[in-house]
Amino acid sequence: MPSECQLFGTLGCHLCEVAEAMLMEFVEHGLLVELVDISDREEWVEDYGLRIPVLRRIDTGAELDWPFDEEQVAAFLR
């Protein structure tokens, strides 16, 4: 499992809150998740605005778009 990921989302996004809560199990097992607010940069709004929440691996740059579940996250992190 990679040691660090980013979760792209924004404040007030219900699906982002759901994804964040889902990732807590992985955090309890050592995954570091940086929460990235896409509203901080215009290019993030353009790239992620219609796809959030998006989980991105720091090590490979691979991205997992919503909707995803725990099994899909586990496979993505392998």
C-alpha atoms as a PDB file:
ATOM      1  CA  MET A   1       0.000   0.000   0.000  1.00  0.00           C
ATOM      2  CA  PRO A   2       1.358   3.457  -0.816  1.00  0.00           C
ATOM      3  CA  SER A   3       2.060   5.606   2.191  1.00  0.00           C
ATOM      4  CA  GLU A   4       0.423   8.790   0.904  1.00  0.00           C
ATOM      5  CA  CYS A   5      -2.503   9.869  -1.245  1.00  0.00           C
ATOM      6  CA  GLN A   6      -4.406  13.047  -1.951  1.00  0.00           C
ATOM      7  CA  LEU A   7      -8.172  13.375  -1.889  1.00  0.00           C
ATOM      8  CA  PHE A   8      -9.326  16.149  -4.200  1.00  0.00           C
ATOM      9  CA  GLY A   9     -12.630  17.717  -3.233  1.00  0.00           C
ATOM     10  CA  THR A  10     -14.107  20.934  -1.911  1.00  0.00           C
ATOM     11  CA  LEU A  11     -15.958  22.254   1.105  1.00  0.00           C
ATOM     12  CA  GLY A  12     -19.659  21.504   1.142  1.00  0.00           C
ATOM     13  CA  CYS A  13     -19.322  18.471  -1.140  1.00  0.00           C
ATOM     14  CA  HIS A  14     -21.385  15.673   0.430  1.00  0.00           C
ATOM     15  CA  LEU A  15     -19.732  12.970  -1.693  1.00  0.00           C
ATOM     16  CA  CYS A  16     -16.312  14.234  -0.628  1.00  0.00           C
ATOM     17  CA  GLU A  17     -17.356  13.837   3.007  1.00  0.00           C
ATOM     18  CA  VAL A  18     -18.531  10.286   2.287  1.00  0.00           C
ATOM     19  CA  ALA A  19     -15.211   9.450   0.596  1.00  0.00           C
ATOM     20  CA  GLU A  20     -13.223  10.983   3.447  1.00  0.00           C
ATOM     21  CA  ALA A  21     -15.122   8.916   6.008  1.00  0.00           C
ATOM     22  CA  MET A  22     -14.588   5.754   3.942  1.00  0.00           C
ATOM     23  CA  LEU A  23     -10.835   6.374   3.834  1.00  0.00           C
ATOM     24  CA  MET A  24     -10.565   6.521   7.632  1.00  0.00           C
ATOM     25  CA  GLU A  25     -10.197   2.723   7.818  1.00  0.00           C
ATOM     26  CA  PHE A  26      -7.167   2.968   5.532  1.00  0.00           C
ATOM     27  CA  VAL A  27      -5.760   5.876   7.561  1.00  0.00           C
ATOM     28  CA  GLU A  28      -6.008   3.719  10.684  1.00  0.00           C
ATOM     29  CA  HIS A  29      -3.740   1.227   8.877  1.00  0.00           C
ATOM     30  CA  GLY A  30      -1.071   3.793   8.017  1.00  0.00           C
ATOM     31  CA  LEU A  31      -2.259   5.588   4.882  1.00  0.00           C
ATOM     32  CA  LEU A  32      -1.659   9.338   4.918  1.00  0.00           C
ATOM     33  CA  VAL A  33      -4.358  11.263   3.070  1.00  0.00           C
ATOM     34  CA  GLU A  34      -3.907  14.932   2.215  1.00  0.00           C
ATOM     35  CA  LEU A  35      -7.226  16.707   1.673  1.00  0.00           C
ATOM     36  CA  VAL A  36      -6.883  19.048  -1.308  1.00  0.00           C
ATOM     37  CA  ASP A  37      -9.512  21.734  -1.895  1.00  0.00           C
ATOM     38  CA  ILE A  38      -9.834  22.171  -5.649  1.00  0.00           C
ATOM     39  CA  SER A  39     -11.082  25.743  -5.208  1.00  0.00           C
ATOM     40  CA  ASP A  40      -7.515  26.761  -4.267  1.00  0.00           C
ATOM     41  CA  ARG A  41      -6.342  26.546  -7.916  1.00  0.00           C
ATOM     42  CA  GLU A  42      -8.220  27.201 -11.142  1.00  0.00           C
ATOM     43  CA  GLU A  43      -6.551  24.273 -12.918  1.00  0.00           C
ATOM     44  CA  TRP A  44      -7.796  21.911 -10.211  1.00  0.00           C
ATOM     45  CA  VAL A  45     -11.336  23.202 -10.694  1.00  0.00           C
ATOM     46  CA  GLU A  46     -10.980  22.557 -14.441  1.00  0.00           C
ATOM     47  CA  ASP A  47      -9.403  19.101 -13.985  1.00  0.00           C
ATOM     48  CA  TYR A  48     -11.444  17.795 -11.058  1.00  0.00           C
ATOM     49  CA  GLY A  49     -14.605  19.913 -10.837  1.00  0.00           C
ATOM     50  CA  LEU A  50     -16.894  17.333 -12.454  1.00  0.00           C
ATOM     51  CA  ARG A  51     -15.113  14.282 -10.996  1.00  0.00           C
ATOM     52  CA  ILE A  52     -14.723  14.974  -7.267  1.00  0.00           C
ATOM     53  CA  PRO A  53     -14.006  13.316  -5.024  1.00  0.00           C
ATOM     54  CA  VAL A  54     -10.861  11.960  -6.673  1.00  0.00           C
ATOM     55  CA  LEU A  55      -8.257   9.861  -4.858  1.00  0.00           C
ATOM     56  CA  ARG A  56      -4.726  10.315  -6.250  1.00  0.00           C
ATOM     57  CA  ARG A  57      -1.671   8.204  -5.419  1.00  0.00           C
ATOM     58  CA  ILE A  58       1.429  10.294  -4.726  1.00  0.00           C
ATOM     59  CA  ASP A  59       3.822   7.543  -5.824  1.00  0.00           C
ATOM     60  CA  THR A  60       2.346   6.864  -9.281  1.00  0.00           C
ATOM     61  CA  GLY A  61      -0.023   9.762  -9.951  1.00  0.00           C
ATOM     62  CA  ALA A  62      -2.824   7.262 -10.648  1.00  0.00           C
ATOM     63  CA  GLU A  63      -6.308   8.570  -9.925  1.00  0.00           C
ATOM     64  CA  LEU A  64      -9.520   6.910  -8.791  1.00  0.00           C
ATOM     65  CA  ASP A  65     -12.673   8.880  -9.586  1.00  0.00           C
ATOM     66  CA  TRP A  66     -15.912   8.726  -7.631  1.00  0.00           C
ATOM     67  CA  PRO A  67     -17.908   6.555  -7.244  1.00  0.00           C
ATOM     68  CA  PHE A  68     -15.660   4.083  -5.436  1.00  0.00           C
ATOM     69  CA  ASP A  69     -16.083   1.707  -2.518  1.00  0.00           C
ATOM     70  CA  GLU A  70     -13.713   0.146   0.013  1.00  0.00           C
ATOM     71  CA  GLU A  71     -12.861  -2.818  -2.229  1.00  0.00           C
ATOM     72  CA  GLN A  72     -12.027  -0.548  -5.155  1.00  0.00           C
ATOM     73  CA  VAL A  73      -9.848   1.647  -2.915  1.00  0.00           C
ATOM     74  CA  ALA A  74      -8.011  -1.413  -1.563  1.00  0.00           C
ATOM     75  CA  ALA A  75      -7.334  -2.651  -5.105  1.00  0.00           C
ATOM     76  CA  PHE A  76      -6.263   0.844  -6.189  1.00  0.00           C
ATOM     77  CA  LEU A  77      -3.772   1.050  -3.334  1.00  0.00           C
ATOM     78  CA  ARG A  78      -2.143  -2.320  -4.060  1.00  0.00           C
END
